[in-house]
Amino acid sequence: LFNLTAAQIFSLILIFTSILLIFMKRL
């Protein structure tokens, strides 16, 4: 997808989810 491998797509999901959870917790 978008010239990205499965590992890269999964990595992006993890990055977005982790950062989102940190900010949500800080709210």
mmCIF file of all heavy atoms, coordinates in Angstrom:
data_MODEL
# 
_entry.id   MODEL 
# 
loop_
_atom_site.group_PDB 
_atom_site.id 
_atom_site.type_symbol 
_atom_site.label_atom_id 
_atom_site.label_alt_id 
_atom_site.label_comp_id 
_atom_site.label_asym_id 
_atom_site.label_entity_id 
_atom_site.label_seq_id 
_atom_site.pdbx_PDB_ins_code 
_atom_site.Cartn_x 
_atom_site.Cartn_y 
_atom_site.Cartn_z 
_atom_site.occupancy 
_atom_site.B_iso_or_equiv 
_atom_site.pdbx_formal_charge 
_atom_site.auth_seq_id 
_atom_site.auth_comp_id 
_atom_site.auth_asym_id 
_atom_site.auth_atom_id 
_atom_site.pdbx_PDB_model_num 
ATOM 1   N N   . LEU A 1 1  ? 0.841  -1.192 0.000  1.00 0.00 ? 1  LEU A N   1 
ATOM 2   C CA  . LEU A 1 1  ? 0.000  0.000  0.000  1.00 0.00 ? 1  LEU A CA  1 
ATOM 3   C C   . LEU A 1 1  ? 0.880  1.248  0.000  1.00 0.00 ? 1  LEU A C   1 
ATOM 4   O O   . LEU A 1 1  ? 1.783  1.365  0.831  1.00 0.00 ? 1  LEU A O   1 
ATOM 5   C CB  . LEU A 1 1  ? -0.920 0.006  1.224  1.00 0.00 ? 1  LEU A CB  1 
ATOM 6   C CG  . LEU A 1 1  ? -1.942 1.142  1.320  1.00 0.00 ? 1  LEU A CG  1 
ATOM 7   C CD1 . LEU A 1 1  ? -2.958 1.035  0.176  1.00 0.00 ? 1  LEU A CD1 1 
ATOM 8   C CD2 . LEU A 1 1  ? -2.665 1.098  2.665  1.00 0.00 ? 1  LEU A CD2 1 
ATOM 9   N N   . PHE A 1 2  ? 0.623  2.160  -0.945 1.00 0.00 ? 2  PHE A N   1 
ATOM 10  C CA  . PHE A 1 2  ? 1.402  3.395  -1.052 1.00 0.00 ? 2  PHE A CA  1 
ATOM 11  C C   . PHE A 1 2  ? 2.904  3.115  -1.115 1.00 0.00 ? 2  PHE A C   1 
ATOM 12  O O   . PHE A 1 2  ? 3.720  3.849  -0.555 1.00 0.00 ? 2  PHE A O   1 
ATOM 13  C CB  . PHE A 1 2  ? 1.102  4.332  0.118  1.00 0.00 ? 2  PHE A CB  1 
ATOM 14  C CG  . PHE A 1 2  ? -0.338 4.734  0.226  1.00 0.00 ? 2  PHE A CG  1 
ATOM 15  C CD1 . PHE A 1 2  ? -1.061 4.470  1.378  1.00 0.00 ? 2  PHE A CD1 1 
ATOM 16  C CD2 . PHE A 1 2  ? -0.972 5.370  -0.838 1.00 0.00 ? 2  PHE A CD2 1 
ATOM 17  C CE1 . PHE A 1 2  ? -2.398 4.840  1.477  1.00 0.00 ? 2  PHE A CE1 1 
ATOM 18  C CE2 . PHE A 1 2  ? -2.311 5.742  -0.749 1.00 0.00 ? 2  PHE A CE2 1 
ATOM 19  C CZ  . PHE A 1 2  ? -3.019 5.479  0.409  1.00 0.00 ? 2  PHE A CZ  1 
ATOM 20  N N   . ASN A 1 3  ? 3.255  2.025  -1.762 1.00 0.00 ? 3  ASN A N   1 
ATOM 21  C CA  . ASN A 1 3  ? 4.655  1.623  -1.917 1.00 0.00 ? 3  ASN A CA  1 
ATOM 22  C C   . ASN A 1 3  ? 5.338  1.331  -0.584 1.00 0.00 ? 3  ASN A C   1 
ATOM 23  O O   . ASN A 1 3  ? 6.564  1.412  -0.458 1.00 0.00 ? 3  ASN A O   1 
ATOM 24  C CB  . ASN A 1 3  ? 5.452  2.701  -2.666 1.00 0.00 ? 3  ASN A CB  1 
ATOM 25  C CG  . ASN A 1 3  ? 6.642  2.118  -3.407 1.00 0.00 ? 3  ASN A CG  1 
ATOM 26  O OD1 . ASN A 1 3  ? 6.593  0.982  -3.905 1.00 0.00 ? 3  ASN A OD1 1 
ATOM 27  N ND2 . ASN A 1 3  ? 7.729  2.862  -3.490 1.00 0.00 ? 3  ASN A ND2 1 
ATOM 28  N N   . LEU A 1 4  ? 4.547  0.991  0.427  1.00 0.00 ? 4  LEU A N   1 
ATOM 29  C CA  . LEU A 1 4  ? 5.061  0.645  1.747  1.00 0.00 ? 4  LEU A CA  1 
ATOM 30  C C   . LEU A 1 4  ? 4.862  -0.841 2.010  1.00 0.00 ? 4  LEU A C   1 
ATOM 31  O O   . LEU A 1 4  ? 3.892  -1.445 1.554  1.00 0.00 ? 4  LEU A O   1 
ATOM 32  C CB  . LEU A 1 4  ? 4.343  1.453  2.837  1.00 0.00 ? 4  LEU A CB  1 
ATOM 33  C CG  . LEU A 1 4  ? 4.455  2.978  2.754  1.00 0.00 ? 4  LEU A CG  1 
ATOM 34  C CD1 . LEU A 1 4  ? 3.600  3.622  3.839  1.00 0.00 ? 4  LEU A CD1 1 
ATOM 35  C CD2 . LEU A 1 4  ? 5.910  3.422  2.884  1.00 0.00 ? 4  LEU A CD2 1 
ATOM 36  N N   . THR A 1 5  ? 5.797  -1.418 2.764  1.00 0.00 ? 5  THR A N   1 
ATOM 37  C CA  . THR A 1 5  ? 5.691  -2.836 3.107  1.00 0.00 ? 5  THR A CA  1 
ATOM 38  C C   . THR A 1 5  ? 4.719  -3.014 4.270  1.00 0.00 ? 5  THR A C   1 
ATOM 39  O O   . THR A 1 5  ? 4.316  -2.056 4.937  1.00 0.00 ? 5  THR A O   1 
ATOM 40  C CB  . THR A 1 5  ? 7.061  -3.404 3.504  1.00 0.00 ? 5  THR A CB  1 
ATOM 41  O OG1 . THR A 1 5  ? 7.497  -2.758 4.726  1.00 0.00 ? 5  THR A OG1 1 
ATOM 42  C CG2 . THR A 1 5  ? 8.093  -3.161 2.416  1.00 0.00 ? 5  THR A CG2 1 
ATOM 43  N N   . ALA A 1 6  ? 4.379  -4.270 4.540  1.00 0.00 ? 6  ALA A N   1 
ATOM 44  C CA  . ALA A 1 6  ? 3.480  -4.572 5.654  1.00 0.00 ? 6  ALA A CA  1 
ATOM 45  C C   . ALA A 1 6  ? 4.083  -4.098 6.978  1.00 0.00 ? 6  ALA A C   1 
ATOM 46  O O   . ALA A 1 6  ? 3.380  -3.572 7.844  1.00 0.00 ? 6  ALA A O   1 
ATOM 47  C CB  . ALA A 1 6  ? 3.198  -6.074 5.699  1.00 0.00 ? 6  ALA A CB  1 
ATOM 48  N N   . ALA A 1 7  ? 5.404  -4.290 7.135  1.00 0.00 ? 7  ALA A N   1 
ATOM 49  C CA  . ALA A 1 7  ? 6.081  -3.868 8.361  1.00 0.00 ? 7  ALA A CA  1 
ATOM 50  C C   . ALA A 1 7  ? 6.015  -2.350 8.530  1.00 0.00 ? 7  ALA A C   1 
ATOM 51  O O   . ALA A 1 7  ? 5.851  -1.837 9.643  1.00 0.00 ? 7  ALA A O   1 
ATOM 52  C CB  . ALA A 1 7  ? 7.534  -4.326 8.352  1.00 0.00 ? 7  ALA A CB  1 
ATOM 53  N N   . GLN A 1 8  ? 6.133  -1.606 7.434  1.00 0.00 ? 8  GLN A N   1 
ATOM 54  C CA  . GLN A 1 8  ? 6.081  -0.149 7.513  1.00 0.00 ? 8  GLN A CA  1 
ATOM 55  C C   . GLN A 1 8  ? 4.674  0.345  7.856  1.00 0.00 ? 8  GLN A C   1 
ATOM 56  O O   . GLN A 1 8  ? 4.519  1.278  8.647  1.00 0.00 ? 8  GLN A O   1 
ATOM 57  C CB  . GLN A 1 8  ? 6.545  0.468  6.196  1.00 0.00 ? 8  GLN A CB  1 
ATOM 58  C CG  . GLN A 1 8  ? 8.048  0.363  5.968  1.00 0.00 ? 8  GLN A CG  1 
ATOM 59  C CD  . GLN A 1 8  ? 8.468  0.941  4.642  1.00 0.00 ? 8  GLN A CD  1 
ATOM 60  O OE1 . GLN A 1 8  ? 7.907  0.604  3.598  1.00 0.00 ? 8  GLN A OE1 1 
ATOM 61  N NE2 . GLN A 1 8  ? 9.470  1.808  4.658  1.00 0.00 ? 8  GLN A NE2 1 
ATOM 62  N N   . ILE A 1 9  ? 3.688  -0.289 7.284  1.00 0.00 ? 9  ILE A N   1 
ATOM 63  C CA  . ILE A 1 9  ? 2.308  0.099  7.585  1.00 0.00 ? 9  ILE A CA  1 
ATOM 64  C C   . ILE A 1 9  ? 1.993  -0.187 9.047  1.00 0.00 ? 9  ILE A C   1 
ATOM 65  O O   . ILE A 1 9  ? 1.391  0.645  9.749  1.00 0.00 ? 9  ILE A O   1 
ATOM 66  C CB  . ILE A 1 9  ? 1.327  -0.654 6.667  1.00 0.00 ? 9  ILE A CB  1 
ATOM 67  C CG1 . ILE A 1 9  ? 1.528  -0.173 5.217  1.00 0.00 ? 9  ILE A CG1 1 
ATOM 68  C CG2 . ILE A 1 9  ? -0.121 -0.439 7.110  1.00 0.00 ? 9  ILE A CG2 1 
ATOM 69  C CD1 . ILE A 1 9  ? 0.744  -0.949 4.195  1.00 0.00 ? 9  ILE A CD1 1 
ATOM 70  N N   . PHE A 1 10 ? 2.415  -1.355 9.518  1.00 0.00 ? 10 PHE A N   1 
ATOM 71  C CA  . PHE A 1 10 ? 2.198  -1.698 10.921 1.00 0.00 ? 10 PHE A CA  1 
ATOM 72  C C   . PHE A 1 10 ? 2.960  -0.739 11.826 1.00 0.00 ? 10 PHE A C   1 
ATOM 73  O O   . PHE A 1 10 ? 2.475  -0.344 12.893 1.00 0.00 ? 10 PHE A O   1 
ATOM 74  C CB  . PHE A 1 10 ? 2.635  -3.141 11.180 1.00 0.00 ? 10 PHE A CB  1 
ATOM 75  C CG  . PHE A 1 10 ? 2.263  -3.654 12.540 1.00 0.00 ? 10 PHE A CG  1 
ATOM 76  C CD1 . PHE A 1 10 ? 0.948  -3.639 12.971 1.00 0.00 ? 10 PHE A CD1 1 
ATOM 77  C CD2 . PHE A 1 10 ? 3.233  -4.142 13.403 1.00 0.00 ? 10 PHE A CD2 1 
ATOM 78  C CE1 . PHE A 1 10 ? 0.592  -4.102 14.229 1.00 0.00 ? 10 PHE A CE1 1 
ATOM 79  C CE2 . PHE A 1 10 ? 2.899  -4.607 14.662 1.00 0.00 ? 10 PHE A CE2 1 
ATOM 80  C CZ  . PHE A 1 10 ? 1.572  -4.592 15.073 1.00 0.00 ? 10 PHE A CZ  1 
ATOM 81  N N   . SER A 1 11 ? 4.149  -0.342 11.404 1.00 0.00 ? 11 SER A N   1 
ATOM 82  C CA  . SER A 1 11 ? 4.946  0.620  12.178 1.00 0.00 ? 11 SER A CA  1 
ATOM 83  C C   . SER A 1 11 ? 4.227  1.955  12.292 1.00 0.00 ? 11 SER A C   1 
ATOM 84  O O   . SER A 1 11 ? 4.195  2.572  13.364 1.00 0.00 ? 11 SER A O   1 
ATOM 85  C CB  . SER A 1 11 ? 6.315  0.825  11.525 1.00 0.00 ? 11 SER A CB  1 
ATOM 86  O OG  . SER A 1 11 ? 7.095  -0.355 11.587 1.00 0.00 ? 11 SER A OG  1 
ATOM 87  N N   . LEU A 1 12 ? 3.654  2.428  11.191 1.00 0.00 ? 12 LEU A N   1 
ATOM 88  C CA  . LEU A 1 12 ? 2.926  3.695  11.220 1.00 0.00 ? 12 LEU A CA  1 
ATOM 89  C C   . LEU A 1 12 ? 1.726  3.624  12.165 1.00 0.00 ? 12 LEU A C   1 
ATOM 90  O O   . LEU A 1 12 ? 1.434  4.584  12.888 1.00 0.00 ? 12 LEU A O   1 
ATOM 91  C CB  . LEU A 1 12 ? 2.458  4.060  9.807  1.00 0.00 ? 12 LEU A CB  1 
ATOM 92  C CG  . LEU A 1 12 ? 3.543  4.516  8.823  1.00 0.00 ? 12 LEU A CG  1 
ATOM 93  C CD1 . LEU A 1 12 ? 2.939  4.766  7.452  1.00 0.00 ? 12 LEU A CD1 1 
ATOM 94  C CD2 . LEU A 1 12 ? 4.241  5.775  9.337  1.00 0.00 ? 12 LEU A CD2 1 
ATOM 95  N N   . ILE A 1 13 ? 1.049  2.489  12.169 1.00 0.00 ? 13 ILE A N   1 
ATOM 96  C CA  . ILE A 1 13 ? -0.090 2.303  13.073 1.00 0.00 ? 13 ILE A CA  1 
ATOM 97  C C   . ILE A 1 13 ? 0.371  2.379  14.521 1.00 0.00 ? 13 ILE A C   1 
ATOM 98  O O   . ILE A 1 13 ? -0.262 3.030  15.363 1.00 0.00 ? 13 ILE A O   1 
ATOM 99  C CB  . ILE A 1 13 ? -0.784 0.949  12.791 1.00 0.00 ? 13 ILE A CB  1 
ATOM 100 C CG1 . ILE A 1 13 ? -1.442 0.962  11.406 1.00 0.00 ? 13 ILE A CG1 1 
ATOM 101 C CG2 . ILE A 1 13 ? -1.824 0.649  13.876 1.00 0.00 ? 13 ILE A CG2 1 
ATOM 102 C CD1 . ILE A 1 13 ? -2.003 -0.373 10.981 1.00 0.00 ? 13 ILE A CD1 1 
ATOM 103 N N   . LEU A 1 14 ? 1.503  1.736  14.811 1.00 0.00 ? 14 LEU A N   1 
ATOM 104 C CA  . LEU A 1 14 ? 2.034  1.750  16.175 1.00 0.00 ? 14 LEU A CA  1 
ATOM 105 C C   . LEU A 1 14 ? 2.475  3.153  16.595 1.00 0.00 ? 14 LEU A C   1 
ATOM 106 O O   . LEU A 1 14 ? 2.228  3.579  17.728 1.00 0.00 ? 14 LEU A O   1 
ATOM 107 C CB  . LEU A 1 14 ? 3.211  0.773  16.295 1.00 0.00 ? 14 LEU A CB  1 
ATOM 108 C CG  . LEU A 1 14 ? 2.879  -0.720 16.270 1.00 0.00 ? 14 LEU A CG  1 
ATOM 109 C CD1 . LEU A 1 14 ? 4.157  -1.538 16.377 1.00 0.00 ? 14 LEU A CD1 1 
ATOM 110 C CD2 . LEU A 1 14 ? 1.923  -1.083 17.396 1.00 0.00 ? 14 LEU A CD2 1 
ATOM 111 N N   . ILE A 1 15 ? 3.131  3.866  15.687 1.00 0.00 ? 15 ILE A N   1 
ATOM 112 C CA  . ILE A 1 15 ? 3.578  5.228  15.993 1.00 0.00 ? 15 ILE A CA  1 
ATOM 113 C C   . ILE A 1 15 ? 2.382  6.124  16.306 1.00 0.00 ? 15 ILE A C   1 
ATOM 114 O O   . ILE A 1 15 ? 2.352  6.822  17.325 1.00 0.00 ? 15 ILE A O   1 
ATOM 115 C CB  . ILE A 1 15 ? 4.379  5.814  14.816 1.00 0.00 ? 15 ILE A CB  1 
ATOM 116 C CG1 . ILE A 1 15 ? 5.693  5.046  14.619 1.00 0.00 ? 15 ILE A CG1 1 
ATOM 117 C CG2 . ILE A 1 15 ? 4.670  7.297  15.048 1.00 0.00 ? 15 ILE A CG2 1 
ATOM 118 C CD1 . ILE A 1 15 ? 6.409  5.398  13.327 1.00 0.00 ? 15 ILE A CD1 1 
ATOM 119 N N   . PHE A 1 16 ? 1.394  6.100  15.417 1.00 0.00 ? 16 PHE A N   1 
ATOM 120 C CA  . PHE A 1 16 ? 0.208  6.945  15.596 1.00 0.00 ? 16 PHE A CA  1 
ATOM 121 C C   . PHE A 1 16 ? -0.534 6.575  16.882 1.00 0.00 ? 16 PHE A C   1 
ATOM 122 O O   . PHE A 1 16 ? -0.905 7.456  17.673 1.00 0.00 ? 16 PHE A O   1 
ATOM 123 C CB  . PHE A 1 16 ? -0.727 6.773  14.395 1.00 0.00 ? 16 PHE A CB  1 
ATOM 124 C CG  . PHE A 1 16 ? -2.035 7.514  14.542 1.00 0.00 ? 16 PHE A CG  1 
ATOM 125 C CD1 . PHE A 1 16 ? -2.107 8.888  14.323 1.00 0.00 ? 16 PHE A CD1 1 
ATOM 126 C CD2 . PHE A 1 16 ? -3.185 6.835  14.910 1.00 0.00 ? 16 PHE A CD2 1 
ATOM 127 C CE1 . PHE A 1 16 ? -3.312 9.568  14.470 1.00 0.00 ? 16 PHE A CE1 1 
ATOM 128 C CE2 . PHE A 1 16 ? -4.395 7.513  15.071 1.00 0.00 ? 16 PHE A CE2 1 
ATOM 129 C CZ  . PHE A 1 16 ? -4.451 8.880  14.837 1.00 0.00 ? 16 PHE A CZ  1 
ATOM 130 N N   . THR A 1 17 ? -0.734 5.289  17.115 1.00 0.00 ? 17 THR A N   1 
ATOM 131 C CA  . THR A 1 17 ? -1.477 4.843  18.293 1.00 0.00 ? 17 THR A CA  1 
ATOM 132 C C   . THR A 1 17 ? -0.748 5.207  19.578 1.00 0.00 ? 17 THR A C   1 
ATOM 133 O O   . THR A 1 17 ? -1.358 5.684  20.544 1.00 0.00 ? 17 THR A O   1 
ATOM 134 C CB  . THR A 1 17 ? -1.698 3.318  18.245 1.00 0.00 ? 17 THR A CB  1 
ATOM 135 O OG1 . THR A 1 17 ? -2.388 2.974  17.035 1.00 0.00 ? 17 THR A OG1 1 
ATOM 136 C CG2 . THR A 1 17 ? -2.525 2.857  19.440 1.00 0.00 ? 17 THR A CG2 1 
ATOM 137 N N   . SER A 1 18 ? 0.568  4.979  19.621 1.00 0.00 ? 18 SER A N   1 
ATOM 138 C CA  . SER A 1 18 ? 1.354  5.260  20.830 1.00 0.00 ? 18 SER A CA  1 
ATOM 139 C C   . SER A 1 18 ? 1.335  6.742  21.181 1.00 0.00 ? 18 SER A C   1 
ATOM 140 O O   . SER A 1 18 ? 1.104  7.126  22.332 1.00 0.00 ? 18 SER A O   1 
ATOM 141 C CB  . SER A 1 18 ? 2.797  4.788  20.645 1.00 0.00 ? 18 SER A CB  1 
ATOM 142 O OG  . SER A 1 18 ? 2.852  3.398  20.417 1.00 0.00 ? 18 SER A OG  1 
ATOM 143 N N   . ILE A 1 19 ? 1.585  7.584  20.182 1.00 0.00 ? 19 ILE A N   1 
ATOM 144 C CA  . ILE A 1 19 ? 1.596  9.029  20.425 1.00 0.00 ? 19 ILE A CA  1 
ATOM 145 C C   . ILE A 1 19 ? 0.208  9.525  20.826 1.00 0.00 ? 19 ILE A C   1 
ATOM 146 O O   . ILE A 1 19 ? 0.068  10.361 21.730 1.00 0.00 ? 19 ILE A O   1 
ATOM 147 C CB  . ILE A 1 19 ? 2.103  9.774  19.177 1.00 0.00 ? 19 ILE A CB  1 
ATOM 148 C CG1 . ILE A 1 19 ? 3.579  9.418  18.922 1.00 0.00 ? 19 ILE A CG1 1 
ATOM 149 C CG2 . ILE A 1 19 ? 1.944  11.289 19.342 1.00 0.00 ? 19 ILE A CG2 1 
ATOM 150 C CD1 . ILE A 1 19 ? 4.155  10.025 17.670 1.00 0.00 ? 19 ILE A CD1 1 
ATOM 151 N N   . LEU A 1 20 ? -0.822 8.991  20.177 1.00 0.00 ? 20 LEU A N   1 
ATOM 152 C CA  . LEU A 1 20 ? -2.186 9.381  20.498 1.00 0.00 ? 20 LEU A CA  1 
ATOM 153 C C   . LEU A 1 20 ? -2.522 9.027  21.948 1.00 0.00 ? 20 LEU A C   1 
ATOM 154 O O   . LEU A 1 20 ? -3.115 9.839  22.682 1.00 0.00 ? 20 LEU A O   1 
ATOM 155 C CB  . LEU A 1 20 ? -3.172 8.695  19.553 1.00 0.00 ? 20 LEU A CB  1 
ATOM 156 C CG  . LEU A 1 20 ? -4.659 8.984  19.795 1.00 0.00 ? 20 LEU A CG  1 
ATOM 157 C CD1 . LEU A 1 20 ? -4.951 10.469 19.603 1.00 0.00 ? 20 LEU A CD1 1 
ATOM 158 C CD2 . LEU A 1 20 ? -5.525 8.133  18.862 1.00 0.00 ? 20 LEU A CD2 1 
ATOM 159 N N   . LEU A 1 21 ? -2.116 7.836  22.390 1.00 0.00 ? 21 LEU A N   1 
ATOM 160 C CA  . LEU A 1 21 ? -2.400 7.412  23.756 1.00 0.00 ? 21 LEU A CA  1 
ATOM 161 C C   . LEU A 1 21 ? -1.672 8.281  24.780 1.00 0.00 ? 21 LEU A C   1 
ATOM 162 O O   . LEU A 1 21 ? -2.227 8.591  25.844 1.00 0.00 ? 21 LEU A O   1 
ATOM 163 C CB  . LEU A 1 21 ? -1.999 5.944  23.940 1.00 0.00 ? 21 LEU A CB  1 
ATOM 164 C CG  . LEU A 1 21 ? -2.903 4.916  23.255 1.00 0.00 ? 21 LEU A CG  1 
ATOM 165 C CD1 . LEU A 1 21 ? -2.301 3.514  23.372 1.00 0.00 ? 21 LEU A CD1 1 
ATOM 166 C CD2 . LEU A 1 21 ? -4.307 4.948  23.850 1.00 0.00 ? 21 LEU A CD2 1 
ATOM 167 N N   . ILE A 1 22 ? -0.449 8.687  24.448 1.00 0.00 ? 22 ILE A N   1 
ATOM 168 C CA  . ILE A 1 22 ? 0.299  9.571  25.363 1.00 0.00 ? 22 ILE A CA  1 
ATOM 169 C C   . ILE A 1 22 ? -0.425 10.903 25.526 1.00 0.00 ? 22 ILE A C   1 
ATOM 170 O O   . ILE A 1 22 ? -0.618 11.397 26.640 1.00 0.00 ? 22 ILE A O   1 
ATOM 171 C CB  . ILE A 1 22 ? 1.736  9.799  24.853 1.00 0.00 ? 22 ILE A CB  1 
ATOM 172 C CG1 . ILE A 1 22 ? 2.561  8.508  24.986 1.00 0.00 ? 22 ILE A CG1 1 
ATOM 173 C CG2 . ILE A 1 22 ? 2.409  10.934 25.631 1.00 0.00 ? 22 ILE A CG2 1 
ATOM 174 C CD1 . ILE A 1 22 ? 3.966  8.615  24.419 1.00 0.00 ? 22 ILE A CD1 1 
ATOM 175 N N   . PHE A 1 23 ? -0.857 11.492 24.405 1.00 0.00 ? 23 PHE A N   1 
ATOM 176 C CA  . PHE A 1 23 ? -1.533 12.785 24.471 1.00 0.00 ? 23 PHE A CA  1 
ATOM 177 C C   . PHE A 1 23 ? -2.904 12.675 25.121 1.00 0.00 ? 23 PHE A C   1 
ATOM 178 O O   . PHE A 1 23 ? -3.318 13.569 25.868 1.00 0.00 ? 23 PHE A O   1 
ATOM 179 C CB  . PHE A 1 23 ? -1.644 13.394 23.072 1.00 0.00 ? 23 PHE A CB  1 
ATOM 180 C CG  . PHE A 1 23 ? -0.397 14.082 22.623 1.00 0.00 ? 23 PHE A CG  1 
ATOM 181 C CD1 . PHE A 1 23 ? 0.455  13.490 21.715 1.00 0.00 ? 23 PHE A CD1 1 
ATOM 182 C CD2 . PHE A 1 23 ? -0.070 15.340 23.113 1.00 0.00 ? 23 PHE A CD2 1 
ATOM 183 C CE1 . PHE A 1 23 ? 1.619  14.120 21.309 1.00 0.00 ? 23 PHE A CE1 1 
ATOM 184 C CE2 . PHE A 1 23 ? 1.078  15.996 22.706 1.00 0.00 ? 23 PHE A CE2 1 
ATOM 185 C CZ  . PHE A 1 23 ? 1.932  15.385 21.807 1.00 0.00 ? 23 PHE A CZ  1 
ATOM 186 N N   . MET A 1 24 ? -3.619 11.598 24.847 1.00 0.00 ? 24 MET A N   1 
ATOM 187 C CA  . MET A 1 24 ? -4.937 11.405 25.466 1.00 0.00 ? 24 MET A CA  1 
ATOM 188 C C   . MET A 1 24 ? -4.789 11.281 26.985 1.00 0.00 ? 24 MET A C   1 
ATOM 189 O O   . MET A 1 24 ? -5.594 11.832 27.744 1.00 0.00 ? 24 MET A O   1 
ATOM 190 C CB  . MET A 1 24 ? -5.606 10.157 24.896 1.00 0.00 ? 24 MET A CB  1 
ATOM 191 C CG  . MET A 1 24 ? -6.110 10.313 23.472 1.00 0.00 ? 24 MET A CG  1 
ATOM 192 S SD  . MET A 1 24 ? -6.865 8.794  22.825 1.00 0.00 ? 24 MET A SD  1 
ATOM 193 C CE  . MET A 1 24 ? -8.228 8.577  23.978 1.00 0.00 ? 24 MET A CE  1 
ATOM 194 N N   . LYS A 1 25 ? -3.755 10.560 27.406 1.00 0.00 ? 25 LYS A N   1 
ATOM 195 C CA  . LYS A 1 25 ? -3.533 10.397 28.842 1.00 0.00 ? 25 LYS A CA  1 
ATOM 196 C C   . LYS A 1 25 ? -3.168 11.726 29.487 1.00 0.00 ? 25 LYS A C   1 
ATOM 197 O O   . LYS A 1 25 ? -3.566 12.011 30.624 1.00 0.00 ? 25 LYS A O   1 
ATOM 198 C CB  . LYS A 1 25 ? -2.418 9.368  29.069 1.00 0.00 ? 25 LYS A CB  1 
ATOM 199 C CG  . LYS A 1 25 ? -2.334 8.847  30.492 1.00 0.00 ? 25 LYS A CG  1 
ATOM 200 C CD  . LYS A 1 25 ? -3.530 7.992  30.841 1.00 0.00 ? 25 LYS A CD  1 
ATOM 201 C CE  . LYS A 1 25 ? -3.403 7.382  32.212 1.00 0.00 ? 25 LYS A CE  1 
ATOM 202 N NZ  . LYS A 1 25 ? -4.613 6.613  32.596 1.00 0.00 ? 25 LYS A NZ  1 
ATOM 203 N N   . ARG A 1 26 ? -2.443 12.547 28.761 1.00 0.00 ? 26 ARG A N   1 
ATOM 204 C CA  . ARG A 1 26 ? -2.020 13.838 29.323 1.00 0.00 ? 26 ARG A CA  1 
ATOM 205 C C   . ARG A 1 26 ? -3.157 14.845 29.388 1.00 0.00 ? 26 ARG A C   1 
ATOM 206 O O   . ARG A 1 26 ? -3.059 15.850 30.098 1.00 0.00 ? 26 ARG A O   1 
ATOM 207 C CB  . ARG A 1 26 ? -0.847 14.395 28.523 1.00 0.00 ? 26 ARG A CB  1 
ATOM 208 C CG  . ARG A 1 26 ? 0.429  13.608 28.734 1.00 0.00 ? 26 ARG A CG  1 
ATOM 209 C CD  . ARG A 1 26 ? 1.652  14.365 28.327 1.00 0.00 ? 26 ARG A CD  1 
ATOM 210 N NE  . ARG A 1 26 ? 2.868  13.669 28.717 1.00 0.00 ? 26 ARG A NE  1 
ATOM 211 C CZ  . ARG A 1 26 ? 4.073  14.204 28.687 1.00 0.00 ? 26 ARG A CZ  1 
ATOM 212 N NH1 . ARG A 1 26 ? 4.237  15.447 28.275 1.00 0.00 ? 26 ARG A NH1 1 
ATOM 213 N NH2 . ARG A 1 26 ? 5.144  13.511 29.066 1.00 0.00 ? 26 ARG A NH2 1 
ATOM 214 N N   . LEU A 1 27 ? -4.223 14.591 28.632 1.00 0.00 ? 27 LEU A N   1 
ATOM 215 C CA  . LEU A 1 27 ? -5.389 15.452 28.723 1.00 0.00 ? 27 LEU A CA  1 
ATOM 216 C C   . LEU A 1 27 ? -6.143 15.200 30.024 1.00 0.00 ? 27 LEU A C   1 
ATOM 217 O O   . LEU A 1 27 ? -6.906 16.062 30.479 1.00 0.00 ? 27 LEU A O   1 
ATOM 218 C CB  . LEU A 1 27 ? -6.329 15.217 27.527 1.00 0.00 ? 27 LEU A CB  1 
ATOM 219 C CG  . LEU A 1 27 ? -5.801 15.696 26.167 1.00 0.00 ? 27 LEU A CG  1 
ATOM 220 C CD1 . LEU A 1 27 ? -6.782 15.342 25.074 1.00 0.00 ? 27 LEU A CD1 1 
ATOM 221 C CD2 . LEU A 1 27 ? -5.556 17.209 26.195 1.00 0.00 ? 27 LEU A CD2 1 
# 
